[in-house]
N, C-alpha and C. Protein backbone atom coordinates (compact mmCIF):
# COMPACT_ATOMS: atom_id res chain seq x y z
N UNK A 1 0.68 -1.07 -0.08
CA UNK A 1 0.40 0.10 0.13
C UNK A 1 0.49 1.13 -0.14
N UNK A 2 0.12 2.35 -0.74
CA UNK A 2 1.33 3.25 -0.95
C UNK A 2 1.04 4.43 0.78
N UNK A 3 2.45 5.26 0.97
CA UNK A 3 2.25 5.61 1.39
C UNK A 3 1.31 7.58 1.40
N UNK A 4 0.15 7.64 2.34
CA UNK A 4 -1.22 8.68 1.41
C UNK A 4 -0.40 10.22 2.42
N UNK A 5 0.37 10.20 3.31
CA UNK A 5 0.46 10.75 4.45
C UNK A 5 1.73 11.45 3.53
N UNK A 6 0.94 13.71 3.77
CA UNK A 6 1.87 14.79 3.52
C UNK A 6 3.59 14.20 3.49
N UNK A 7 3.78 15.05 2.86
CA UNK A 7 5.00 14.60 3.25
C UNK A 7 5.99 15.18 4.00
N UNK A 8 7.19 15.95 4.40
CA UNK A 8 7.64 16.72 5.52
C UNK A 8 8.92 18.17 4.24
N UNK A 9 8.68 19.37 4.39
CA UNK A 9 9.90 19.45 3.56
C UNK A 9 11.17 19.40 3.76
N UNK A 10 11.23 19.75 2.97
CA UNK A 10 13.22 18.77 2.49
C UNK A 10 14.20 20.28 2.15
N UNK A 11 15.92 19.96 2.87
CA UNK A 11 16.40 21.19 2.84
C UNK A 11 16.37 21.81 1.30
N UNK A 12 15.73 21.78 0.20
CA UNK A 12 15.65 21.86 -0.67
C UNK A 12 14.86 23.48 -0.79
N UNK A 13 14.19 23.46 0.15
CA UNK A 13 13.08 24.50 -0.17
C UNK A 13 13.13 26.30 0.42
N UNK A 14 12.68 26.82 -0.71
CA UNK A 14 14.05 28.05 0.01
C UNK A 14 12.74 29.18 0.80
N UNK A 15 13.34 30.42 0.71
CA UNK A 15 11.74 30.72 1.95
C UNK A 15 10.50 31.44 0.13
N UNK A 16 11.31 32.04 -0.68
CA UNK A 16 10.56 31.74 -2.22
C UNK A 16 9.69 30.43 -2.19
N UNK A 17 10.24 29.09 -2.26
CA UNK A 17 8.80 27.86 -2.29
C UNK A 17 8.40 28.05 -1.27
N UNK A 18 8.48 28.59 0.34
CA UNK A 18 7.12 28.83 1.10
C UNK A 18 6.73 29.94 0.57
N UNK A 19 6.85 30.75 0.89
CA UNK A 19 5.82 31.69 0.33
C UNK A 19 4.95 30.99 -1.01
N UNK A 20 6.01 30.55 -2.11
CA UNK A 20 4.70 29.95 -2.32
C UNK A 20 3.23 28.93 -2.14
N UNK A 21 4.23 27.87 -1.68
CA UNK A 21 3.09 26.68 -0.97
C UNK A 21 2.06 28.13 -0.01
N UNK A 22 2.47 28.63 0.22
CA UNK A 22 0.69 29.73 0.92
C UNK A 22 0.38 30.21 -0.11
N UNK A 23 1.17 30.68 -0.88
CA UNK A 23 -0.18 31.22 -2.07
C UNK A 23 -0.63 30.68 -2.89
N UNK A 24 -0.36 29.11 -2.86
CA UNK A 24 -1.32 28.70 -3.71
C UNK A 24 -2.18 27.35 -2.73
N UNK A 25 -1.79 27.01 -1.12
CA UNK A 25 -2.42 26.83 -0.07
C UNK A 25 -3.69 27.97 0.38
N UNK A 26 -2.93 28.63 0.47
CA UNK A 26 -3.98 30.36 0.69
C UNK A 26 -5.01 30.84 -0.70
N UNK A 27 -5.10 29.83 -1.17
CA UNK A 27 -5.83 30.41 -2.86
C UNK A 27 -7.83 30.34 -2.57
N UNK A 28 -7.97 30.63 -3.04
CA UNK A 28 -9.51 31.26 -2.71
C UNK A 28 -9.68 30.98 -0.61
N UNK A 29 -8.60 31.87 -0.24
CA UNK A 29 -8.77 31.44 1.33
C UNK A 29 -9.19 32.93 2.34
N UNK A 30 -9.17 33.72 1.22
CA UNK A 30 -9.29 35.31 1.69
C UNK A 30 -7.95 36.03 1.90
N UNK A 31 -6.62 34.88 0.90
CA UNK A 31 -5.50 35.74 1.41
C UNK A 31 -4.89 36.03 0.33
N UNK A 32 -5.06 35.41 -0.99
CA UNK A 32 -4.70 36.30 -2.58
C UNK A 32 -6.31 36.74 -2.99
N UNK A 33 -5.64 37.68 -3.87
CA UNK A 33 -6.37 38.58 -4.66
C UNK A 33 -7.77 38.49 -4.18
N UNK A 34 -8.34 38.60 -3.22
CA UNK A 34 -9.34 39.21 -2.94
C UNK A 34 -10.59 37.90 -2.38
N UNK A 35 -9.93 37.00 -2.87
CA UNK A 35 -11.17 35.32 -2.95
C UNK A 35 -11.35 35.24 -1.66
N UNK A 36 -12.25 34.70 -1.65
CA UNK A 36 -12.76 34.47 0.11
C UNK A 36 -13.39 33.59 -0.19
N UNK A 37 -13.22 31.96 -1.40
CA UNK A 37 -14.58 31.32 -0.98
C UNK A 37 -13.91 29.97 -0.04
N UNK A 38 -12.93 30.41 0.85
CA UNK A 38 -12.71 29.17 1.78
C UNK A 38 -12.78 29.82 2.99
N UNK A 39 -13.60 30.81 3.72
CA UNK A 39 -13.97 31.48 4.77
C UNK A 39 -15.20 30.24 5.29
N UNK A 40 -15.58 29.63 4.71
CA UNK A 40 -17.15 29.28 5.92
C UNK A 40 -16.94 27.48 6.14
N UNK A 41 -17.24 27.23 6.59
CA UNK A 41 -17.82 25.82 6.55
C UNK A 41 -17.67 24.72 6.15
N UNK A 42 -17.31 23.76 6.32
CA UNK A 42 -17.26 21.94 4.66
C UNK A 42 -18.88 22.04 5.05
N UNK A 43 -19.94 21.76 4.12
CA UNK A 43 -20.57 20.52 4.75
C UNK A 43 -20.84 19.52 4.23
N UNK A 44 -21.24 18.77 5.10
CA UNK A 44 -20.90 16.92 4.04
C UNK A 44 -21.21 16.97 2.84
N UNK A 45 -20.69 16.18 2.43
CA UNK A 45 -20.69 15.98 0.85
C UNK A 45 -20.78 17.09 0.00
N UNK A 46 -19.71 18.11 0.60
CA UNK A 46 -20.18 19.23 0.21
C UNK A 46 -18.64 19.66 -0.77
N UNK A 47 -18.17 19.64 -2.02
CA UNK A 47 -16.41 19.68 -2.41
C UNK A 47 -15.97 20.34 -1.92
N UNK A 48 -14.59 20.93 -1.64
CA UNK A 48 -13.77 21.71 -0.92
C UNK A 48 -13.36 22.20 -2.06
N UNK A 49 -13.91 24.14 -2.17
CA UNK A 49 -13.66 24.86 -2.99
C UNK A 49 -12.59 25.23 -3.28
N UNK A 50 -11.58 25.85 -2.15
CA UNK A 50 -10.43 25.70 -1.68
C UNK A 50 -9.23 24.78 -2.41
N UNK A 51 -10.03 23.82 -2.20
CA UNK A 51 -9.28 21.84 -2.33
C UNK A 51 -9.25 22.36 -4.25
N UNK A 52 -10.42 22.49 -4.41
CA UNK A 52 -10.50 22.58 -6.31
C UNK A 52 -9.89 23.81 -6.62
N UNK A 53 -9.96 25.06 -6.10
CA UNK A 53 -8.91 25.91 -6.94
C UNK A 53 -7.39 25.66 -6.67
N UNK A 54 -7.04 24.81 -5.73
CA UNK A 54 -5.22 24.95 -5.40
C UNK A 54 -5.21 23.22 -6.35
N UNK A 55 -6.08 22.91 -6.74
CA UNK A 55 -5.39 21.75 -7.81
C UNK A 55 -5.30 22.40 -9.49
N UNK A 56 -6.50 23.89 -9.79
CA UNK A 56 -6.77 24.16 -10.84
C UNK A 56 -4.79 24.85 -11.21
N UNK A 57 -4.59 25.44 -10.15
CA UNK A 57 -3.34 26.29 -9.61
C UNK A 57 -1.80 25.64 -10.01
N UNK A 58 -1.99 24.64 -9.30
CA UNK A 58 -0.96 22.78 -9.31
C UNK A 58 -0.67 22.70 -10.75
N UNK A 59 -1.83 22.20 -11.23
CA UNK A 59 -1.86 21.88 -12.89
C UNK A 59 -1.12 22.90 -13.45
N UNK A 60 -1.20 23.52 -13.56
CA UNK A 60 0.11 24.59 -14.03
C UNK A 60 0.99 25.36 -13.80
N UNK A 61 2.07 24.66 -12.84
CA UNK A 61 3.48 24.59 -12.45
C UNK A 61 3.87 23.01 -13.47
N UNK A 62 5.59 23.07 -13.24
CA UNK A 62 6.15 22.32 -13.67
C UNK A 62 6.10 20.44 -12.39
N UNK A 63 6.42 19.42 -13.17
CA UNK A 63 5.77 18.64 -12.09
C UNK A 63 6.54 18.44 -11.04
N UNK A 64 8.09 18.60 -10.81
CA UNK A 64 8.72 18.96 -9.93
C UNK A 64 8.04 20.05 -8.35
N UNK A 65 7.15 20.81 -9.62
CA UNK A 65 7.04 22.03 -8.48
C UNK A 65 5.67 21.26 -7.14
N UNK A 66 5.15 20.61 -8.01
CA UNK A 66 3.53 19.93 -6.83
C UNK A 66 4.43 19.30 -6.41
N UNK A 67 5.43 18.75 -6.72
CA UNK A 67 5.71 17.47 -5.56
C UNK A 67 6.15 18.37 -4.89
N UNK A 68 6.64 19.44 -4.73
CA UNK A 68 7.64 20.20 -3.97
C UNK A 68 6.32 21.13 -2.98
N UNK A 69 5.78 21.50 -4.08
CA UNK A 69 4.22 21.56 -3.08
C UNK A 69 3.84 21.23 -1.84
N UNK A 70 3.82 20.24 -2.11
CA UNK A 70 3.32 18.48 -1.35
C UNK A 70 4.53 18.69 -0.31
N UNK A 71 5.47 18.86 -0.05
CA UNK A 71 6.89 18.60 0.60
C UNK A 71 6.25 20.05 1.67
N UNK A 72 6.00 20.95 0.58
CA UNK A 72 5.57 22.18 1.76
C UNK A 72 4.46 22.02 2.50
N UNK A 73 3.73 21.70 1.89
CA UNK A 73 2.50 21.18 2.80
C UNK A 73 2.14 20.31 4.05
N UNK A 74 3.10 19.03 3.65
CA UNK A 74 3.41 18.64 5.18
C UNK A 74 4.16 18.89 5.83
N UNK A 75 5.18 20.56 5.40
CA UNK A 75 5.69 21.07 6.44
C UNK A 75 5.13 21.93 7.18
N UNK A 76 3.61 22.53 6.90
CA UNK A 76 2.72 22.91 7.26
C UNK A 76 2.53 22.53 8.18
N UNK A 77 1.66 21.01 8.09
CA UNK A 77 1.15 19.86 8.72
C UNK A 77 1.71 20.11 10.48
N UNK A 78 2.63 19.84 9.79
CA UNK A 78 3.65 19.31 11.17
C UNK A 78 3.58 20.50 12.62
N UNK A 79 3.60 21.50 11.42
CA UNK A 79 3.73 22.98 12.64
C UNK A 79 2.45 22.61 13.82
N UNK A 80 0.94 21.57 13.10
CA UNK A 80 0.14 22.25 14.32
C UNK A 80 -0.77 20.54 14.72
N UNK A 81 0.43 19.41 14.49
CA UNK A 81 0.29 19.10 14.77
C UNK A 81 0.69 18.26 16.46
N UNK A 82 -0.13 18.64 17.33
CA UNK A 82 0.21 18.59 18.85
C UNK A 82 -1.11 18.54 19.67
N UNK A 83 -1.12 18.51 20.65
CA UNK A 83 -2.24 17.65 21.24
C UNK A 83 -3.11 18.77 22.01
N UNK A 84 -3.28 20.13 21.93
CA UNK A 84 -4.25 21.31 21.84
C UNK A 84 -4.14 21.45 20.94
N UNK A 85 -4.10 20.88 20.08
CA UNK A 85 -4.55 21.66 18.62
C UNK A 85 -5.73 19.68 18.03
N UNK A 86 -5.24 19.42 18.60
CA UNK A 86 -5.69 18.44 18.67
C UNK A 86 -7.36 18.11 19.16
N UNK A 87 -6.92 18.32 20.53
CA UNK A 87 -8.36 18.40 21.01
C UNK A 87 -9.38 19.70 21.05
N UNK A 88 -8.23 20.99 19.96
CA UNK A 88 -9.74 22.09 19.27
C UNK A 88 -10.41 21.23 18.66
N UNK A 89 -9.27 20.01 17.74
CA UNK A 89 -10.39 19.02 16.65
C UNK A 89 -11.58 18.76 16.54
N UNK A 90 -11.36 17.69 17.93
CA UNK A 90 -12.11 17.19 18.63
C UNK A 90 -13.92 18.08 19.20
N UNK A 91 -13.29 19.16 19.35
CA UNK A 91 -14.26 20.23 20.08
C UNK A 91 -14.69 21.18 18.71
N UNK A 92 -13.96 21.24 17.81
CA UNK A 92 -14.77 22.03 16.44
C UNK A 92 -15.53 20.99 15.58
N UNK A 93 -15.09 19.45 15.74
CA UNK A 93 -15.31 18.72 14.82
C UNK A 93 -16.33 17.36 15.53
N UNK A 94 -18.10 17.95 16.56
CA UNK A 94 -18.21 17.32 16.59
C UNK A 94 -17.47 15.76 18.21
N UNK A 95 -16.37 15.89 18.46
CA UNK A 95 -16.34 15.09 18.92
C UNK A 95 -15.64 13.53 18.35
N UNK A 96 -15.51 14.06 16.83
CA UNK A 96 -15.63 13.20 16.44
C UNK A 96 -13.86 12.80 15.28
N UNK A 97 -13.06 12.57 16.23
CA UNK A 97 -11.33 12.29 15.85
C UNK A 97 -11.12 11.12 15.65
N UNK A 98 -9.63 10.04 14.15
CA UNK A 98 -9.23 10.26 14.20
C UNK A 98 -8.17 10.58 13.22
N UNK A 99 -6.73 8.80 13.38
CA UNK A 99 -5.45 9.96 12.42
C UNK A 99 -6.21 11.03 11.66
N UNK A 100 -6.96 9.84 10.51
CA UNK A 100 -7.42 10.91 8.99
C UNK A 100 -7.82 11.69 9.31
N UNK A 101 -8.26 12.13 10.56
CA UNK A 101 -9.84 12.31 10.54
C UNK A 101 -8.60 14.30 10.84
N UNK A 102 -7.86 13.58 11.89
CA UNK A 102 -7.10 15.03 12.57
C UNK A 102 -6.17 14.46 11.19
N UNK A 103 -5.39 14.42 10.12
CA UNK A 103 -4.67 14.92 9.49
C UNK A 103 -5.59 16.03 8.46
N UNK A 104 -6.87 15.26 8.02
CA UNK A 104 -7.66 16.39 7.42
C UNK A 104 -7.99 17.97 7.75
N UNK A 105 -8.35 17.75 9.35
CA UNK A 105 -8.38 18.84 9.85
C UNK A 105 -7.71 19.67 10.03
N UNK A 106 -5.85 19.40 9.83
CA UNK A 106 -4.98 20.25 9.90
C UNK A 106 -5.04 20.76 8.40
N UNK A 107 -5.22 20.13 7.66
CA UNK A 107 -5.56 20.44 6.26
C UNK A 107 -5.93 21.68 6.04
N UNK A 108 -7.33 21.39 7.07
CA UNK A 108 -8.18 22.42 6.71
C UNK A 108 -8.05 24.05 7.30
N UNK A 109 -6.61 23.93 8.43
CA UNK A 109 -6.76 25.14 8.31
C UNK A 109 -5.60 25.88 7.18
N UNK A 110 -5.04 25.08 6.90
CA UNK A 110 -3.91 25.75 6.10
C UNK A 110 -5.38 26.28 5.00
N UNK A 111 -6.43 25.46 4.62
CA UNK A 111 -8.08 26.40 3.47
C UNK A 111 -7.96 27.73 4.65
N UNK A 112 -7.74 27.88 5.26
CA UNK A 112 -8.25 29.15 6.07
C UNK A 112 -7.79 29.75 5.82
N UNK A 113 -6.41 30.04 5.59
CA UNK A 113 -5.85 30.65 5.21
C UNK A 113 -4.61 31.18 5.93
N UNK A 114 -3.60 31.97 5.78
CA UNK A 114 -2.11 31.70 6.51
C UNK A 114 -2.54 32.04 7.93
N UNK A 115 -3.08 33.87 7.82
CA UNK A 115 -3.08 35.24 9.20
C UNK A 115 -3.92 33.72 10.00
N UNK A 116 -4.47 32.80 9.79
CA UNK A 116 -5.50 31.91 10.33
C UNK A 116 -4.70 30.67 10.72
N UNK A 117 -3.91 30.20 9.83
CA UNK A 117 -2.79 28.86 10.02
C UNK A 117 -1.95 29.37 11.33
N UNK A 118 -1.32 30.64 11.10
CA UNK A 118 0.08 31.03 11.85
C UNK A 118 -0.53 31.19 13.05
N UNK A 119 -1.56 31.52 13.60
CA UNK A 119 -2.49 31.97 14.76
C UNK A 119 -2.92 31.18 15.73
N UNK A 120 -3.46 29.44 15.07
CA UNK A 120 -3.42 28.43 15.43
C UNK A 120 -2.55 28.18 15.84
N UNK A 121 -1.38 27.70 15.19
CA UNK A 121 -0.03 27.37 15.36
C UNK A 121 0.60 27.94 16.51
N UNK A 122 0.51 28.89 16.91
CA UNK A 122 0.70 29.73 18.44
C UNK A 122 -0.41 29.58 19.48
N UNK A 123 -1.42 29.45 18.90
CA UNK A 123 -2.83 29.38 19.86
C UNK A 123 -3.42 29.02 19.77
N UNK A 124 -4.39 27.45 19.99
CA UNK A 124 -5.01 26.45 18.67
C UNK A 124 -6.30 27.84 19.73
N UNK A 125 -6.46 28.07 20.32
CA UNK A 125 -8.12 28.70 20.93
C UNK A 125 -8.46 29.95 20.41
N UNK A 126 -7.10 30.20 18.89
CA UNK A 126 -7.46 31.48 18.61
C UNK A 126 -9.10 30.92 17.54
N UNK A 127 -9.14 29.66 17.19
CA UNK A 127 -9.79 29.55 16.70
C UNK A 127 -10.97 30.17 16.89
N UNK A 128 -11.47 29.55 18.02
CA UNK A 128 -12.67 30.34 18.07
C UNK A 128 -13.29 31.88 17.67
N UNK A 129 -12.17 32.18 16.80
CA UNK A 129 -12.43 34.55 16.46
C UNK A 129 -12.67 33.92 14.44
N UNK A 130 -12.57 32.33 14.73
CA UNK A 130 -12.77 32.30 12.69
C UNK A 130 -14.27 32.04 12.56
N UNK A 131 -14.90 32.54 11.41
CA UNK A 131 -16.79 32.45 11.22
C UNK A 131 -16.53 31.41 11.17
N UNK A 132 -15.74 30.92 10.07
CA UNK A 132 -16.40 29.51 10.21
C UNK A 132 -16.61 28.53 11.13
N UNK A 133 -15.83 28.40 12.61
CA UNK A 133 -15.80 27.83 13.65
C UNK A 133 -16.74 28.15 14.44
N UNK A 134 -16.86 29.53 14.56
CA UNK A 134 -18.13 29.91 14.88
C UNK A 134 -19.69 28.98 14.20
N UNK A 135 -19.84 29.17 12.98
CA UNK A 135 -20.70 29.06 11.96
C UNK A 135 -21.20 27.41 12.60
N UNK A 136 -20.11 26.59 12.71
CA UNK A 136 -19.79 25.66 12.87
C UNK A 136 -20.96 25.01 14.47
N UNK A 137 -20.42 26.48 15.74
CA UNK A 137 -20.30 25.76 16.82
C UNK A 137 -22.49 26.18 17.08
N UNK A 138 -23.10 26.94 15.72
CA UNK A 138 -24.22 27.78 16.08
C UNK A 138 -25.03 26.78 15.50
N UNK A 139 -24.52 26.31 14.93
CA UNK A 139 -25.47 25.28 13.95
C UNK A 139 -26.36 24.29 14.52
N UNK A 140 -25.88 23.81 15.39
CA UNK A 140 -25.94 22.50 16.30
C UNK A 140 -26.53 21.30 15.37
N UNK A 141 -25.71 21.07 13.95
CA UNK A 141 -25.22 20.03 13.03
C UNK A 141 -24.37 19.47 13.87
N UNK A 142 -23.85 17.91 12.78
CA UNK A 142 -23.06 17.41 12.71
C UNK A 142 -22.48 17.37 11.45
N UNK A 143 -23.01 18.20 10.75
CA UNK A 143 -23.10 18.35 9.25
C UNK A 143 -21.58 19.00 8.77
N UNK A 144 -21.46 20.12 9.40
CA UNK A 144 -20.51 20.87 8.59
C UNK A 144 -18.77 20.33 9.35
N UNK A 145 -17.78 21.02 8.74
CA UNK A 145 -16.41 20.48 9.47
C UNK A 145 -15.49 21.84 9.15
N UNK A 146 -14.49 21.68 9.40
CA UNK A 146 -13.24 22.64 8.71
C UNK A 146 -11.92 21.04 8.45
N UNK A 147 -12.08 20.50 8.73
CA UNK A 147 -11.17 19.02 7.74
C UNK A 147 -11.97 19.53 6.67
N UNK A 148 -10.58 19.37 5.53
CA UNK A 148 -10.78 19.69 4.20
C UNK A 148 -9.84 18.00 3.10
N UNK A 149 -10.39 16.97 3.67
CA UNK A 149 -8.99 15.92 2.72
C UNK A 149 -8.87 16.62 1.71
N UNK A 150 -9.37 17.28 0.59
CA UNK A 150 -9.46 17.00 -0.55
C UNK A 150 -7.58 17.99 -0.94
N UNK A 151 -7.11 18.59 0.36
CA UNK A 151 -6.48 19.47 0.56
C UNK A 151 -5.16 18.45 0.01
N UNK A 152 -5.22 17.71 1.12
CA UNK A 152 -4.54 17.22 1.99
C UNK A 152 -4.14 15.93 0.41
N UNK A 153 -4.72 15.94 -0.96
CA UNK A 153 -4.57 15.35 -2.17
C UNK A 153 -4.62 15.92 -3.53
N UNK A 154 -4.53 17.67 -3.04
CA UNK A 154 -4.11 18.42 -4.31
C UNK A 154 -2.72 17.96 -4.96
N UNK A 155 -1.99 17.76 -4.72
CA UNK A 155 -1.05 17.63 -5.02
C UNK A 155 -1.08 16.52 -6.16
N UNK A 156 -1.33 15.10 -5.75
CA UNK A 156 -1.49 13.93 -5.86
C UNK A 156 -2.38 13.94 -7.31
N UNK A 157 -3.65 14.73 -6.87
CA UNK A 157 -5.03 14.82 -8.21
C UNK A 157 -4.12 15.72 -9.04
N UNK A 158 -3.61 16.77 -9.46
CA UNK A 158 -3.29 17.35 -10.10
C UNK A 158 -2.00 16.77 -11.36
N UNK A 159 -1.19 16.24 -10.50
CA UNK A 159 0.01 15.40 -11.07
C UNK A 159 -0.57 14.33 -11.87
N UNK A 160 -1.95 13.87 -11.18
CA UNK A 160 -2.22 12.44 -12.17
C UNK A 160 -3.00 13.28 -13.69
N UNK A 161 -3.33 14.60 -13.06
CA UNK A 161 -4.06 14.83 -14.56
C UNK A 161 -2.89 15.24 -15.28
N UNK A 162 -1.87 15.79 -14.90
CA UNK A 162 -0.86 15.68 -16.06
C UNK A 162 -0.18 14.79 -16.64
N UNK A 163 -0.17 14.06 -16.09
CA UNK A 163 0.25 12.69 -16.84
C UNK A 163 -0.11 11.78 -16.74
N UNK A 164 -1.63 11.35 -16.07
CA UNK A 164 -2.37 10.41 -16.57
C UNK A 164 -1.92 9.13 -16.30
N UNK A 165 -0.90 8.58 -14.84
CA UNK A 165 -0.73 7.63 -14.39
C UNK A 165 -1.26 7.86 -12.98
N UNK A 166 -1.75 7.40 -12.05
CA UNK A 166 -2.22 7.17 -10.60
C UNK A 166 -1.60 7.22 -9.83
N UNK A 167 -0.05 6.64 -10.33
CA UNK A 167 1.24 6.23 -9.32
C UNK A 167 2.41 7.27 -9.44
N UNK A 168 2.12 8.11 -10.80
CA UNK A 168 3.39 8.45 -10.57
C UNK A 168 3.60 10.00 -10.09
N UNK A 169 2.69 10.11 -9.08
CA UNK A 169 2.79 10.81 -8.23
C UNK A 169 4.08 10.75 -6.72
N UNK A 170 3.19 9.44 -6.55
CA UNK A 170 4.21 7.97 -5.40
C UNK A 170 5.34 8.52 -5.35
N UNK A 171 5.83 7.80 -7.02
CA UNK A 171 7.03 7.48 -7.29
C UNK A 171 7.76 8.87 -7.10
N UNK A 172 7.27 10.31 -7.50
CA UNK A 172 8.20 11.19 -7.90
C UNK A 172 8.76 11.89 -6.53
N UNK A 173 7.17 11.37 -5.34
CA UNK A 173 7.08 11.96 -3.85
C UNK A 173 8.42 11.01 -3.61
N UNK A 174 8.96 9.87 -3.66
CA UNK A 174 9.46 8.73 -2.82
C UNK A 174 10.73 9.29 -3.37
N UNK A 175 11.24 9.36 -4.98
CA UNK A 175 11.93 9.97 -5.49
C UNK A 175 12.65 11.73 -4.62
N UNK A 176 12.15 11.83 -4.64
CA UNK A 176 12.01 13.47 -4.41
C UNK A 176 12.55 13.56 -2.75
N UNK A 177 12.19 12.35 -2.23
CA UNK A 177 12.68 11.85 -0.63
C UNK A 177 14.48 11.68 -0.28
N UNK A 178 14.93 10.76 -1.25
CA UNK A 178 15.67 9.68 -1.36
C UNK A 178 16.82 11.09 -1.90
N UNK A 179 16.53 11.82 -3.17
CA UNK A 179 17.77 12.55 -2.85
C UNK A 179 17.70 13.76 -2.48
N UNK A 180 17.27 13.80 -1.79
CA UNK A 180 17.06 15.10 -1.04
C UNK A 180 17.26 15.29 0.84
N UNK A 181 18.25 15.87 0.95
CA UNK A 181 18.71 15.46 2.86
C UNK A 181 17.83 16.59 3.42
N UNK A 182 17.40 15.57 4.26
CA UNK A 182 16.49 16.00 5.16
C UNK A 182 17.61 17.29 6.37
N UNK A 183 15.87 18.01 6.26
CA UNK A 183 17.39 18.87 7.93
C UNK A 183 16.90 18.40 8.93
N UNK A 184 18.14 19.07 9.83
CA UNK A 184 18.35 19.03 10.47
C UNK A 184 17.63 19.41 11.91
N UNK A 185 16.64 19.15 12.20
CA UNK A 185 15.42 19.80 13.26
C UNK A 185 16.13 19.56 15.11
N UNK A 186 15.69 20.46 15.80
CA UNK A 186 15.26 20.65 17.40
C UNK A 186 14.46 19.80 17.83
N UNK A 187 15.21 18.46 19.12
CA UNK A 187 13.63 17.96 19.39
C UNK A 187 12.58 19.31 19.88
N UNK A 188 11.35 18.20 19.57
CA UNK A 188 10.40 19.10 20.27
C UNK A 188 9.83 18.45 21.21
N UNK A 189 9.09 19.62 22.76
CA UNK A 189 9.16 18.84 23.47
C UNK A 189 7.87 17.90 23.70
N UNK A 190 7.43 17.31 24.55
CA UNK A 190 6.34 16.34 24.59
C UNK A 190 5.06 16.91 24.96
N UNK A 191 4.14 16.73 24.11
CA UNK A 191 3.30 17.78 24.18
C UNK A 191 3.19 16.79 25.82
N UNK A 192 2.20 17.70 26.76
CA UNK A 192 1.37 17.39 28.04
C UNK A 192 -0.14 17.25 27.47
N UNK A 193 -0.61 15.92 27.26
CA UNK A 193 -1.48 15.72 27.10
C UNK A 193 -2.45 15.59 28.44
N UNK A 194 -3.62 16.01 27.79
CA UNK A 194 -5.32 15.91 28.95
C UNK A 194 -5.98 15.58 28.07
N UNK A 195 -6.84 14.86 28.80
CA UNK A 195 -8.13 14.46 28.58
C UNK A 195 -9.16 14.93 27.93
N UNK A 196 -9.34 14.84 26.53
CA UNK A 196 -10.13 16.10 25.84
C UNK A 196 -11.58 15.87 25.97
N UNK A 197 -12.13 14.64 26.76
CA UNK A 197 -13.13 14.14 26.44
C UNK A 197 -13.57 15.65 27.85
N UNK A 198 -12.66 15.67 28.56
CA UNK A 198 -12.93 16.79 30.32
C UNK A 198 -13.58 18.31 29.70
N UNK A 199 -14.39 18.28 29.77
CA UNK A 199 -15.07 19.82 29.39
C UNK A 199 -14.38 21.28 29.84
N UNK A 200 -14.16 20.34 31.99
CA UNK A 200 -13.86 21.75 32.87
C UNK A 200 -12.76 21.76 31.77
N UNK A 201 -11.48 20.30 30.96
CA UNK A 201 -10.31 20.97 30.61
C UNK A 201 -10.51 21.81 29.43
N UNK A 202 -11.40 21.49 28.82
CA UNK A 202 -11.67 22.50 27.38
C UNK A 202 -12.06 24.32 28.37
N UNK A 203 -12.29 23.95 29.51
CA UNK A 203 -12.40 25.31 29.86
C UNK A 203 -11.34 26.57 30.12
N UNK A 204 -10.08 25.37 30.85
CA UNK A 204 -8.85 25.53 31.57
C UNK A 204 -7.61 25.56 30.05
N UNK A 205 -8.41 25.63 29.55
CA UNK A 205 -7.41 25.00 28.33
C UNK A 205 -7.42 25.91 27.09
N UNK A 206 -8.63 25.33 26.52
CA UNK A 206 -9.45 26.68 25.18
C UNK A 206 -10.48 26.78 25.54
N UNK A 207 -9.83 27.87 26.63
CA UNK A 207 -11.53 28.79 26.92
C UNK A 207 -12.27 29.28 25.99
N UNK A 208 -11.79 29.95 24.99
CA UNK A 208 -12.46 30.47 24.06
C UNK A 208 -13.42 28.94 23.34
N UNK A 209 -12.73 28.91 22.70
CA UNK A 209 -13.61 27.43 22.34
C UNK A 209 -14.67 26.85 23.00
N UNK A 210 -14.35 26.68 24.50
CA UNK A 210 -14.78 26.14 25.51
C UNK A 210 -16.23 26.80 25.10
N UNK A 211 -15.76 28.37 25.23
CA UNK A 211 -17.86 29.58 25.84
C UNK A 211 -18.13 28.95 24.68
N UNK A 212 -17.79 29.01 23.33
CA UNK A 212 -18.74 29.34 22.04
C UNK A 212 -19.12 28.14 21.79
N UNK A 213 -18.60 26.34 21.86
CA UNK A 213 -19.50 25.24 21.99
C UNK A 213 -20.04 25.17 23.30
N UNK A 214 -20.35 24.94 24.62
CA UNK A 214 -20.48 24.80 25.61
C UNK A 214 -21.98 25.72 25.41
N UNK A 215 -21.87 26.86 25.12
CA UNK A 215 -23.22 27.72 24.95
C UNK A 215 -23.85 27.52 23.95
N UNK A 216 -23.40 27.66 23.08
CA UNK A 216 -24.42 27.02 22.38
C UNK A 216 -24.94 25.48 21.92
N UNK A 217 -24.81 24.68 23.07
CA UNK A 217 -25.21 22.98 23.02
C UNK A 217 -26.02 22.99 23.41
N UNK A 218 -27.29 22.25 22.90
CA UNK A 218 -28.93 21.85 22.76
C UNK A 218 -28.76 21.34 24.50
N UNK A 219 -29.56 21.60 25.58
CA UNK A 219 -29.98 20.85 26.34
C UNK A 219 -30.10 19.64 25.91
N UNK A 220 -30.22 18.71 27.02
CA UNK A 220 -30.21 17.34 27.72
C UNK A 220 -32.00 17.93 27.16
N UNK A 221 -32.52 16.61 26.01
CA UNK A 221 -33.62 15.79 26.16
C UNK A 221 -35.03 15.53 27.40
């Protein structure tokens, strides 16, 4: 089975490459050209307009740059791969949590735009201020989401459109990892894991999200 996880950024990526990644990943998210198609929560079964716009943008790049974008996206997702963001996912996405679901959620954070993403990377509780999250909290439904699987596989989809080969992207991505030296990173501190089902912990660690979602929760019948 092929590895479908986003790749980590390589040492060959420079500042311009990182900016390119944000221009593409933020397309339609209100960060470029005044477009704002990524500012709302996604409904069940609804295609992601941001992901579709991203595939169209990637489709115009050389094949090697499509692979490089996927590596940059993996680097972005690593920045929010921590327990507090995982807990925010639990609160916002109706208590549904899995490895795939958390990956989709982190990709959805990228789709909300650079400003939102960087704020969440520093303080996950800042999500409470985003209109899409407020829309979810006020809906009292379980059909609205931040998670966007389409962003995770946008590079693969664009590559397949260009080549007509569903496996060509993974071959190129694996080759890029072999050919490029990995950067040396400092060890990250261990996450302080806490009970994400515990609403009192929400109030202590994610107070704005807790206030938003507990206030809109329907009383038991």
